[in-house]
Protein backbone atom coordinates (compact mmCIF):
# COMPACT_ATOMS: atom_id res chain seq x y z
CA MET A 1 48.28 -95.75 31.54
CA ALA A 2 45.01 -93.92 31.48
CA SER A 3 46.70 -90.81 32.86
CA LEU A 4 49.28 -91.03 30.08
CA ASN A 5 46.55 -91.31 27.51
CA LEU A 6 44.78 -88.35 29.04
CA GLY A 7 48.00 -86.37 29.10
CA PHE A 8 48.75 -87.33 25.50
CA ASN A 9 45.25 -86.40 24.39
CA GLY A 10 45.47 -83.10 26.26
CA ALA A 11 48.83 -82.26 24.67
CA ARG A 12 47.47 -83.26 21.28
CA LYS A 13 44.43 -81.03 21.71
CA LYS A 14 46.66 -78.14 22.78
CA ALA A 15 48.90 -78.67 19.76
CA VAL A 16 45.87 -78.82 17.46
CA ALA A 17 44.44 -75.69 19.05
CA ARG A 18 47.76 -73.93 18.68
CA ILE A 19 48.04 -74.96 15.02
CA ARG A 20 44.52 -73.73 14.33
CA ALA A 21 45.21 -70.47 16.14
CA VAL A 22 48.39 -69.95 14.12
CA GLU A 23 46.48 -70.69 10.91
CA ARG A 24 43.81 -68.18 11.78
CA ARG A 25 46.35 -65.56 12.76
CA ASN A 26 48.43 -66.08 9.64
CA LEU A 27 45.40 -65.85 7.38
CA LEU A 28 44.12 -62.68 9.06
CA THR A 29 47.57 -61.07 9.06
CA VAL A 30 48.17 -61.88 5.40
CA CYS A 31 44.68 -60.63 4.60
CA ARG A 32 45.46 -57.35 6.36
CA PHE A 33 48.72 -56.99 4.41
CA SER A 34 46.89 -57.78 1.18
CA VAL A 35 44.29 -55.08 1.83
CA LYS A 36 47.06 -52.56 2.55
CA THR A 37 48.84 -53.53 -0.66
CA LEU A 38 45.65 -53.13 -2.68
CA ILE A 39 44.95 -49.69 -1.20
CA ASP A 40 48.52 -48.52 -1.88
CA ARG A 41 48.50 -49.93 -5.41
CA SER A 42 45.14 -48.34 -6.27
CA CYS A 43 46.75 -44.89 -5.90
CA PHE A 44 49.01 -45.58 -8.91
CA GLU A 45 47.08 -47.94 -11.21
CA THR A 46 43.68 -49.46 -11.76
CA ILE A 47 42.92 -52.70 -9.97
CA ASP A 48 41.48 -55.42 -12.21
CA ASP A 49 41.65 -59.18 -12.77
CA THR A 50 45.21 -58.98 -14.10
CA SER A 51 46.59 -57.27 -11.00
CA ALA A 52 48.88 -59.56 -8.95
CA GLU A 53 47.80 -57.91 -5.70
CA PHE A 54 44.14 -58.58 -6.45
CA ILE A 55 44.78 -62.20 -7.42
CA ASN A 56 46.64 -62.76 -4.15
CA PHE A 57 43.87 -61.06 -2.15
CA VAL A 58 41.20 -63.26 -3.73
CA SER A 59 43.28 -66.35 -2.95
CA ILE A 60 43.61 -65.31 0.69
CA LEU A 61 39.88 -64.57 1.01
CA GLU A 62 38.98 -67.94 -0.52
CA HIS A 63 41.31 -69.68 1.96
CA ILE A 64 39.66 -67.81 4.86
CA LEU A 65 36.10 -68.62 3.75
CA SER A 66 37.05 -72.25 2.98
CA HIS A 67 38.95 -72.82 6.25
CA ARG A 68 37.52 -75.95 7.97
CA LEU A 69 34.40 -75.90 5.82
CA LYS A 70 32.27 -78.99 6.30
CA GLY A 71 31.54 -81.29 3.40
CA GLN A 72 28.10 -82.27 2.22
CA VAL A 73 26.99 -85.72 3.39
CA SER A 74 24.97 -87.67 0.84
CA TRP A 75 22.30 -90.32 1.45
CA PHE A 76 24.90 -93.07 1.28
CA GLY A 77 27.09 -91.50 3.98
CA TYR A 78 29.72 -90.14 1.61
CA GLU A 79 31.00 -86.65 2.19
CA SER A 80 31.52 -84.47 -0.89
CA PRO A 81 33.48 -81.21 -0.73
CA ARG A 82 31.66 -77.91 -0.65
CA SER A 83 32.46 -74.41 -1.77
CA PHE A 84 32.15 -71.29 0.37
CA TRP A 85 29.42 -70.12 -2.05
CA ASP A 86 27.04 -72.66 -0.49
CA TYR A 87 27.50 -70.90 2.85
CA ILE A 88 27.31 -67.37 1.44
CA HIS A 89 24.22 -68.20 -0.60
CA VAL A 90 22.32 -69.23 2.55
CA ALA A 91 23.79 -66.78 5.10
CA CYS A 92 23.45 -63.66 2.90
CA SER A 93 20.07 -64.44 1.39
CA LYS A 94 18.35 -61.97 3.75
CA VAL A 95 20.65 -59.03 2.97
CA PRO A 96 18.54 -56.26 1.42
CA HIS A 97 19.20 -55.57 -2.26
CA SER A 98 21.78 -58.35 -2.45
CA CYS A 99 23.38 -59.70 -5.60
CA ILE A 100 22.92 -63.36 -4.59
CA HIS A 101 19.94 -63.98 -6.84
CA SER A 102 21.63 -62.32 -9.83
CA ILE A 103 24.77 -64.44 -9.48
CA GLU A 104 22.69 -67.60 -9.06
CA ASN A 105 21.01 -66.91 -12.43
CA MET A 106 24.18 -66.11 -14.39
CA GLU A 107 24.41 -68.27 -17.52
CA ASN A 108 28.18 -68.30 -18.04
CA VAL A 109 28.89 -69.11 -14.38
CA ARG A 110 27.90 -72.69 -13.63
CA SER A 111 30.03 -74.26 -10.89
CA SER A 112 29.78 -73.37 -7.22
CA ARG A 113 33.42 -72.25 -7.12
CA ALA A 114 32.89 -69.89 -10.07
CA LYS A 115 29.78 -68.40 -8.47
CA GLY A 116 31.72 -67.73 -5.26
CA ARG A 117 34.47 -65.94 -7.18
CA ALA A 118 31.89 -63.94 -9.13
CA TRP A 119 30.25 -62.96 -5.83
CA ILE A 120 33.57 -61.60 -4.47
CA ARG A 121 34.04 -59.43 -7.56
CA VAL A 122 30.46 -58.14 -7.62
CA ALA A 123 30.58 -57.35 -3.89
CA LEU A 124 33.83 -55.41 -4.40
CA MET A 125 32.31 -53.42 -7.26
CA GLU A 126 29.25 -52.71 -5.10
CA LYS A 127 31.55 -51.76 -2.17
CA ARG A 128 29.56 -54.12 0.06
CA LEU A 129 31.97 -57.02 0.71
CA SER A 130 32.36 -56.10 4.39
CA GLU A 131 28.58 -55.81 4.72
CA TYR A 132 28.05 -59.30 3.30
CA ILE A 133 30.70 -60.83 5.58
CA SER A 134 29.25 -59.11 8.67
CA ALA A 135 25.72 -60.31 7.81
CA ALA A 136 26.97 -63.88 7.33
CA LEU A 137 28.88 -63.86 10.62
CA ARG A 138 25.82 -62.59 12.51
CA ASP A 139 23.92 -65.68 11.37
CA PHE A 140 25.78 -67.83 13.89
CA LYS A 141 23.45 -70.82 13.52
CA THR A 142 24.09 -71.12 9.79
CA THR A 143 27.82 -70.58 10.32
CA ARG A 144 27.97 -73.42 12.88
CA ARG A 145 26.10 -75.67 10.46
CA PHE A 146 28.61 -75.13 7.64
CA TYR A 147 31.96 -74.90 9.53
CA GLU A 148 33.83 -77.11 11.94
CA GLU A 149 35.30 -76.05 15.25
CA GLY A 150 38.44 -73.90 14.90
CA ALA A 151 37.43 -72.23 11.66
CA VAL A 152 38.34 -68.60 11.11
CA VAL A 153 34.71 -67.51 10.82
CA LEU A 154 33.93 -69.17 14.20
CA GLY A 155 36.85 -67.66 16.10
CA GLU A 156 37.03 -64.48 18.12
CA GLU A 157 39.07 -62.86 15.36
CA ALA A 158 36.21 -63.15 12.83
CA GLY A 159 35.11 -59.61 13.63
CA LEU A 160 38.54 -58.34 12.53
CA LEU A 161 37.93 -59.75 9.06
CA ALA A 162 34.86 -57.58 8.43
CA ASP A 163 36.65 -54.51 9.85
CA THR A 164 39.67 -55.16 7.64
CA LEU A 165 37.57 -55.41 4.50
CA ILE A 166 36.01 -51.97 5.07
CA GLY A 167 39.14 -50.35 3.66
CA LEU A 168 38.36 -51.87 0.24
CA ASN A 169 35.33 -49.59 -0.06
CA ALA A 170 37.68 -46.73 -0.95
CA ILE A 171 38.78 -48.52 -4.17
CA ASP A 172 36.81 -48.47 -7.42
CA PHE A 173 36.95 -51.96 -8.90
CA SER A 174 35.99 -52.97 -12.42
CA PHE A 175 35.85 -56.63 -13.45
CA CYS A 176 34.63 -58.65 -16.39
CA LEU A 177 32.50 -61.62 -15.37
CA LYS A 178 32.27 -63.19 -18.85
CA GLY A 179 35.69 -64.82 -18.86
CA GLU A 180 36.48 -68.48 -18.27
CA GLY A 181 38.98 -67.83 -15.46
CA LEU A 182 36.25 -67.96 -12.81
CA ASP A 183 35.58 -71.65 -13.45
CA GLU A 184 39.13 -72.92 -12.96
CA SER A 185 39.22 -76.01 -10.79
CA CYS A 186 42.89 -75.67 -9.77
CA PRO A 187 43.41 -74.81 -6.06
CA VAL A 188 44.30 -71.23 -5.23
CA VAL A 189 47.75 -70.60 -3.79
CA ILE A 190 48.74 -67.72 -1.56
CA ASP A 191 51.90 -65.86 -2.51
CA TYR A 192 53.68 -64.81 0.70
CA THR A 193 56.75 -63.29 -0.94
CA PRO A 194 55.34 -59.75 -1.38
CA TYR A 195 54.76 -59.51 2.36
CA LEU A 196 58.19 -60.74 3.32
CA LYS A 197 59.71 -57.65 1.68
CA PHE A 198 56.78 -55.40 2.41
CA THR A 199 57.51 -51.65 2.27
CA GLN A 200 55.12 -49.31 3.97
CA THR A 201 54.14 -45.77 3.16
CA SER A 202 54.67 -42.90 5.58
CA ASP A 203 51.08 -43.03 6.81
CA SER A 204 51.30 -46.76 7.34
CA ILE A 205 54.60 -46.38 9.21
CA SER A 206 53.15 -43.76 11.55
CA SER A 207 50.13 -45.95 12.23
CA ASP A 208 52.43 -48.91 12.93
CA GLU A 209 54.45 -46.80 15.35
CA GLU A 210 51.25 -46.04 17.23
CA GLU A 211 50.51 -49.74 17.28
CA MET A 212 53.99 -50.52 18.61
CA ARG A 213 53.62 -47.95 21.39
CA THR A 214 50.30 -49.49 22.29
CA LEU A 215 51.81 -52.96 22.29
CA GLY A 216 54.85 -51.76 24.28
CA SER A 217 52.69 -50.34 27.05
CA SER A 218 50.74 -53.56 27.29
CA GLY A 219 53.77 -55.87 26.82
CA SER A 220 55.16 -55.27 30.30
CA GLU A 221 52.45 -57.45 31.69
CA ALA A 222 53.38 -61.13 31.80
CA GLY A 223 51.09 -63.78 30.49
CA THR A 224 50.70 -66.87 28.36
CA PRO A 225 51.31 -66.87 24.58
CA GLU A 226 47.57 -67.09 24.07
CA SER A 227 47.06 -63.98 26.18
CA HIS A 228 49.81 -62.15 24.27
CA MET A 229 48.21 -63.18 20.99
CA THR A 230 44.82 -62.06 22.22
CA ALA A 231 46.24 -58.73 23.42
CA SER A 232 47.95 -58.14 20.09
CA LEU A 233 44.76 -59.05 18.26
CA VAL A 234 42.76 -56.68 20.45
CA ALA A 235 45.29 -53.91 19.78
CA ASP A 236 45.15 -54.68 16.09
CA GLN A 237 41.40 -54.65 16.28
CA SER A 238 41.34 -51.22 17.94
CA THR A 239 43.85 -49.84 15.45
CA TRP A 240 41.98 -51.25 12.52
CA TYR A 241 38.75 -50.03 13.98
CA SER A 242 40.09 -46.47 14.08
CA LYS A 243 41.44 -46.83 10.54
CA SER A 244 38.16 -48.26 9.38
CA LYS A 245 36.36 -45.29 10.93
CA ARG A 246 38.58 -42.87 9.06
CA LEU A 247 38.10 -44.78 5.85
CA GLU A 248 34.40 -44.94 6.51
CA GLN A 249 34.28 -41.17 6.91
CA LYS A 250 36.16 -40.73 3.64
CA TYR A 251 33.84 -43.19 2.02
CA ARG A 252 30.82 -41.30 3.29
CA VAL A 253 32.21 -38.08 1.86
CA VAL A 254 32.74 -39.84 -1.45
CA LEU A 255 29.21 -41.22 -1.26
CA GLU A 256 27.82 -37.75 -0.62
CA GLN A 257 29.71 -36.39 -3.60
CA LYS A 258 28.55 -39.34 -5.66
CA GLY A 259 24.97 -38.75 -4.54
CA TYR A 260 25.25 -35.08 -5.48
CA LEU A 261 26.59 -36.01 -8.89
CA GLU A 262 23.87 -38.62 -9.32
CA GLU A 263 21.27 -35.98 -8.44
CA LEU A 264 22.75 -33.63 -11.02
CA VAL A 265 22.75 -36.42 -13.59
CA ARG A 266 19.15 -37.25 -12.71
CA LEU A 267 18.07 -33.62 -13.06
CA ARG A 268 19.91 -33.40 -16.36
CA GLU A 269 18.17 -36.55 -17.56
CA VAL A 270 14.81 -35.12 -16.50
CA GLN A 271 15.54 -31.91 -18.42
CA LEU A 272 16.63 -33.89 -21.45
CA SER A 273 13.52 -36.06 -21.29
CA GLU A 274 11.31 -32.96 -21.01
CA SER A 275 13.06 -31.31 -23.94
CA VAL A 276 12.75 -34.49 -25.96
CA SER A 277 9.03 -34.72 -25.16
CA GLN A 278 8.56 -31.06 -26.13
CA ASN A 279 10.45 -31.58 -29.37
CA LYS A 280 8.32 -34.63 -30.08
CA SER A 281 5.12 -32.66 -29.46
CA LEU A 282 6.33 -29.81 -31.69
CA LEU A 283 7.32 -32.28 -34.36
CA GLN A 284 3.91 -33.92 -34.09
CA GLN A 285 2.19 -30.55 -34.40
CA LEU A 286 4.34 -29.67 -37.40
CA THR A 287 3.54 -33.01 -38.98
CA ASP A 288 -0.19 -32.52 -38.34
CA THR A 289 0.02 -29.02 -39.85
CA GLN A 290 1.79 -30.33 -42.92
CA ILE A 291 -0.78 -33.08 -43.28
CA SER A 292 -3.64 -30.57 -42.93
CA HIS A 293 -1.99 -28.31 -45.52
CA LYS A 294 -1.61 -31.24 -47.86
CA LEU A 295 -5.27 -32.15 -47.37
CA GLU A 296 -6.33 -28.55 -47.98
CA LYS A 297 -4.15 -28.43 -51.09
CA LYS A 298 -5.71 -31.64 -52.36
CA GLN A 299 -9.18 -30.27 -51.63
CA LEU A 300 -8.37 -27.05 -53.49
CA GLU A 301 -7.00 -29.01 -56.42
CA THR A 302 -10.16 -31.12 -56.45
CA ILE A 303 -12.36 -28.00 -56.35
CA ILE A 304 -10.34 -26.40 -59.17
CA LEU A 305 -10.68 -29.53 -61.28
CA GLU A 306 -14.41 -29.63 -60.63
CA LEU A 307 -14.76 -25.95 -61.59
CA GLN A 308 -12.72 -26.55 -64.72
CA ASP A 309 -14.96 -29.47 -65.62
CA GLN A 310 -18.06 -27.35 -64.97
CA LEU A 311 -16.60 -24.51 -67.09
CA THR A 312 -15.88 -26.95 -69.91
CA VAL A 313 -19.41 -28.30 -69.70
CA MET A 314 -20.83 -24.76 -69.73
CA LYS A 315 -18.67 -23.83 -72.72
CA ASN A 316 -19.84 -26.93 -74.57
CA HIS A 317 -23.42 -26.18 -73.61
CA ASP A 318 -23.06 -22.55 -74.74
CA LEU A 319 -21.52 -23.64 -78.04
CA ARG A 320 -24.27 -26.15 -78.54
CA SER A 321 -26.89 -23.49 -77.69
CA ARG A 322 -25.35 -21.09 -80.21
CA GLN A 323 -25.33 -23.79 -82.83
CA GLU A 324 -28.97 -24.62 -82.12
CA LEU A 325 -29.89 -20.91 -82.20
CA THR A 326 -28.04 -20.44 -85.47
CA SER A 327 -29.72 -23.46 -87.02
CA HIS A 328 -33.10 -22.31 -85.71
CA LEU A 329 -32.64 -18.82 -87.16
CA THR A 330 -31.37 -20.32 -90.38
CA ASN A 331 -34.46 -22.53 -90.61
CA GLN A 332 -36.79 -19.58 -89.85
CA TRP A 333 -35.34 -17.32 -92.60
CA PRO A 334 -35.27 -18.50 -96.25
CA SER A 335 -31.96 -18.86 -97.99
CA PRO A 336 -30.68 -16.25 -100.50
CA ALA A 337 -31.25 -18.66 -103.36
CA THR A 338 -34.87 -19.05 -102.36
CA LEU A 339 -35.27 -15.29 -102.10
CA ASP A 340 -33.78 -14.84 -105.58
CA THR A 341 -36.08 -17.52 -106.98
CA ASN A 342 -39.10 -15.89 -105.40
CA ALA A 343 -38.05 -12.47 -106.69
CA VAL A 344 -37.64 -13.82 -110.25
CA ALA A 345 -41.04 -15.48 -110.04
CA LEU A 346 -42.60 -12.27 -108.79
CA ASP A 347 -40.90 -10.21 -111.47
CA THR A 348 -42.11 -12.59 -114.10
CA LEU A 349 -45.63 -12.36 -112.73
CA LEU A 350 -45.50 -8.61 -112.69
CA TYR A 351 -44.02 -8.48 -116.13
CA ARG A 352 -46.68 -10.72 -117.53
CA LYS A 353 -49.36 -8.64 -115.90
CA ARG A 354 -48.00 -5.47 -117.39
CA THR A 355 -47.24 -6.91 -120.75
CA GLY A 356 -50.48 -8.82 -121.08
CA PRO A 357 -51.77 -6.48 -123.66
CA TRP A 358 -48.31 -6.13 -125.24
CA GLU A 359 -49.54 -6.80 -128.65
CA GLU A 360 -52.46 -4.43 -128.23
CA LYS A 361 -50.54 -1.65 -126.40
CA SER A 362 -47.83 0.35 -127.89
CA PHE A 363 -45.65 2.71 -126.06
CA GLN A 364 -46.25 6.24 -127.04
CA SER A 365 -42.74 7.24 -126.31
CA LEU A 366 -39.34 5.98 -125.18
CA GLU A 367 -39.68 7.67 -121.83
CA GLN A 368 -42.72 5.64 -120.90
CA LEU A 369 -40.83 2.42 -121.74
CA SER A 370 -37.88 3.33 -119.55
CA ALA A 371 -40.21 4.18 -116.65
CA ASP A 372 -41.82 0.80 -116.91
CA MET A 373 -38.41 -0.95 -116.86
CA SER A 374 -37.31 0.91 -113.75
CA LEU A 375 -40.51 -0.03 -112.01
CA SER A 376 -39.92 -3.67 -112.74
CA GLN A 377 -36.43 -3.43 -111.19
CA MET A 378 -37.67 -1.73 -108.00
CA SER A 379 -40.33 -4.39 -107.52
CA LEU A 380 -37.61 -6.67 -106.00
CA ASP A 381 -37.36 -4.45 -102.85
CA PRO A 382 -40.63 -2.84 -101.94
CA ALA A 383 -39.02 -0.97 -99.04
CA GLN A 384 -36.99 1.11 -101.46
CA VAL A 385 -40.02 2.18 -103.46
CA ASN A 386 -40.70 5.85 -102.96
CA THR A 387 -44.39 6.51 -103.17
CA HIS A 388 -43.76 10.17 -103.61
CA SER A 389 -41.66 9.53 -106.70
CA LEU A 390 -44.26 7.15 -108.05
CA GLU A 391 -47.00 9.64 -107.55
CA SER A 392 -44.92 12.31 -109.21
CA LYS A 393 -44.52 10.30 -112.40
CA PRO A 394 -47.45 10.46 -114.73
CA GLY A 395 -49.05 7.23 -115.73
CA LEU A 396 -47.69 5.18 -112.80
CA THR A 397 -50.24 5.93 -110.11
CA HIS A 398 -52.79 3.89 -111.73
CA TRP A 399 -50.42 0.89 -112.02
CA HIS A 400 -49.51 1.17 -108.35
CA ARG A 401 -53.11 1.00 -107.27
CA GLU A 402 -53.89 -1.90 -109.46
CA ASP A 403 -50.93 -3.92 -108.24
CA ASP A 404 -51.51 -3.25 -104.55
CA ASP A 405 -52.66 -6.77 -103.89
CA ILE A 406 -49.60 -8.26 -105.56
CA LEU A 407 -47.26 -6.20 -103.38
CA GLN A 408 -49.09 -7.25 -100.24
CA TRP A 409 -48.74 -10.84 -101.33
CA LYS A 410 -45.01 -10.33 -101.87
CA GLY A 411 -44.55 -8.89 -98.37
CA HIS A 412 -46.42 -11.79 -96.86
CA PHE A 413 -44.28 -14.27 -98.76
CA SER A 414 -41.07 -12.63 -97.68
CA THR A 415 -42.06 -12.82 -93.97
């Protein structure tokens, strides 16, 4: 009875091992077909979230990373399901320049499933998905802690997964991570129908023929199904390794060209920044010059206004000085009315002095009377009196000598 139980348990273990091996092989094979389909499709159209080939590839990759993933045991002994993001977050935390921290801090991505899907898309855009998977598989201790026995990531074929994903580095992906499709809770389903009617390109057919020749040479040797499966996997691994090398070389060439273009762009940006800085300095100098010109103009206007004010003050002062001088001269010299009054008074005085003895004196002739009248008229302006004419007239010299004091008094009065 015990031997039957042992035999039954052994057969059951073999069946379970076979089932797990078939699951791993199916997932890896479908993943390889999916990568081929993506590469072929990328030659004709852009790969994005709406592409059926990409959706199927993401479903396959989620199945591989979630295959026999352990649940999280709580304090009460209950086991809650996990997402593959919990494993990737821990296993890839030491990858240099990784996107793990950025995805962890994304606001519109909240659930663990959505973060895992966002990580796949970001890694594809960075062309580093194979690098992340290889780094996670090298952390064997963390992988054993998150996965049960028989998982794809714990099998011998796990290395084929990273080599298969290298071919995706030749595709330029572009995804939008703001949509709500990342947080869908419905289980992903793999669509096997495209691979049942799979048509290969000429390059893929030639590579498959090489694989068949390799398998034919090694198929003559007899062995168990496990050995045949291992031999086919090893052949696939070598073939994919050679393909990955070729793709890696192409990718390196593309990277070199990209680096050259980036260097050109960087130099162009440096030149633009230098030209912008020079233009800014010239603009600043021009602005400073304009400001200085404006200040000089204002200073000149101020000086002109001050000079105009000074000129106005000087004109007013000159006018006032002229007015004062005129008034002073006017006050110094007597007015014409005063001069006329003084002349009349002087004439009257002279007349009275001459005509004092009017009643006693009688003119001997008319000529003497006219001479006396002319003398009285010339007494108004002594400067016009001609002494020679006075001396020449008879009878006037004596009058001139007698009235010498009166004439001196008249000159003193006029000054």
